[in-house]
Structures are given as structure tokens and as C-alpha cells.
Amino acid sequence: MLFDEHHLRPTYIFKQGVPGKSYALNVASRFGLDESIIVNAQEHLTKSQSTDINLLMEKIHETALDNENTKKELALEKEKLLKERKMFENDVNLLKEKREKLLQSVENEKQAIIDNTKESIDEVLKALNNPNIKVHEVIELKKKIEDLERHPEVVDYNETISEGSYVSVPSLNIVGRVKRINGKFANINSDSGMSFKIEISKLHLIDEPVRKKVAKTNVDSSISNGLGLEVNVIGYHVEEALDEVSKYLDACQLKNFKQVRIIHGLGSGALRKAIHEYLKKCRFVESYRLGNEYEGGGGATVVVFK
């Protein structure tokens, strides 16, 4: 509370942060209090103020010392934080460099896989254009294409593909019609007469083009028409029988047969032996065996495809 020292009366004005001062003796002197009493009181007050000032100075000194210690601790903590921040920034920069190198390495590896895959696909497609290619070789190349197609990058065209849709596989330069959809995969009959199992995300919906004549294969039409689950070569010479069996098995592969029977009879066993030697060399044959009593016994051989 501020005090009017000239008129010795309060102003009733409060000012925060300003220490107060006693004006009791001044007011007492004004109102005529004995001077000796006032002098005596002033002497006692001076001693008391001196004691209070000493105590206050000690308190100020302690506070200043505490502040200095706190300041030093804060400076040390700041220095520590700056060092940690610098180390963190160095670690971040190092991680960024490693990340960039890793991404570049992955990109290079990815590009190498794509280049190798495209090169392999080009070789397969070039081989398919060979008019002298055997049907079982076509089947092997078809499987190779399907294996290669699992590696290239997936391109999601965000199109609605359904059974009957006419589609293309851009990475393989193949077009055809969707025959069946099973989960994420679609079975496609290509214009070249081959069937493929490709991921739907890799298909591109297109308009059906004008049909072109499909090149003939080396499969005998007399075999492919009305193809059954068995072929009878009894009475054939060995070379004739092997040629007939080869064409028959090729046609069965195109029809996706799982198991067929070759009837060769008993005879001297030469025909059976020659056929078994041929089957042993066929990479598309899973296994073969002589028939049981209901399948012709030793006069027939049952063939299981891969």
C-alpha cells in the first residue's frame, strides 16, 4: 500500500512488488508524542532493522548460490542434450544413407529380374513361333511362361474381369478369353490354342479383335478328334507304335488328361519294352505301370501325367 510521506496519510493505492515501510513514528511525532520516547524507539528500531538486513543478506547469498548451482546444472544438461541431439542427427543421416543404398540395391535387383524375365519370355515366344516344334515342347514352354509370370511386377489395372472376358497379359504379349476364375487366378484360353493360369491382377480387359486363323500344330487331327482315354497299338511295328503313342500323348497333354492307357498286347514283349523306354524319357510323365486285371494286365500300360 503506497503512503503519502508529505501529508503522512495513506493513499489506499496498492502496488505489487514494492516493499512496504513503517511511518508509525512520523505519525506519532506529528500528533505530539514525547520526543524522548520517539528517539528511544528509533534506536531500538535501528538495531532491529540491522539484524533483519543481515538475515536478509544471508538469505540473498544462499539464494544466489543456489541459482548459480542451478545455472551450472542447466548448462551441463544443455551441453549433454546438444551432444545427444548431434548423435541422433548423425544416426538419422546414417540410416537415410543406408536406406537409399538399400532401395537402390533393391531397384537394381528388381530391374535385373525384370530384364532376365523379359529375355526369357522373348526366347519362349520365339520358340513357340517355330513351325517344327513338338507339342510336348509347346507344353513345357507353356509351363515355363506360367513360372516366369509369377516374378514380374504386379500391375493392377483396377478392372472388372469375369468369366468370358477377353483379356491380354501385357508382360507376355498374350491375348485370350477367361474360361474360369478361381480366387485370385484366372484360367485363360489364348488365341494360340493354349491355356494359362494367370493372376487376375495382371490381366488387362480389352476388346475382342477380329479372329485370325490359328496355325496348325503337329498333333494328328485323326488323334485329336474324338480323343479317348486309351490308344491301341497292337499289330504296329515298334517305330509306328512309338510315333502313334507320341502323337497320342501330346494330344492328351493339350486336353489336360491326368491318366491314360496304352494297349500294346503281350506278344514277345518287344513293343511293351520299347514303349516303356520311351515313357521313361518323357518329362511330362509322372509314372507308368502295367495294368491290373481290369485294365488289361500285362498287355496294357497305364500312364499318369504330371
Foldseek 3Di string as FASTA:
>chain_A
DDADPVVGGRPPDDDPPDDDDDCVLVVCVVVPDDPVVSVVVVVVVVVVVVVVVVVVVVVVVVVVVVVVVVVVVVVVVVVVVVVVVVVVVVVVVVVVVVVVVVVVVVVVVLVVLLVVLLVLLVVLVVVVPPQPDALLVVVVSQVVNQVSQVRHDFAAPVDDADAQFWKAQVSNRWTFGFHDDDPQWTWGQTLLRAIHIHGPSRIGGDDDDDRDDHDDHPQDPVCLVPHDQEDEDAPHDQVVLVVVVSSNVSSCVSVVDFKGKYFHADPPCPNVVSVVVVLVPRPQWPDKDADDPVRRGNRMMMTGGD
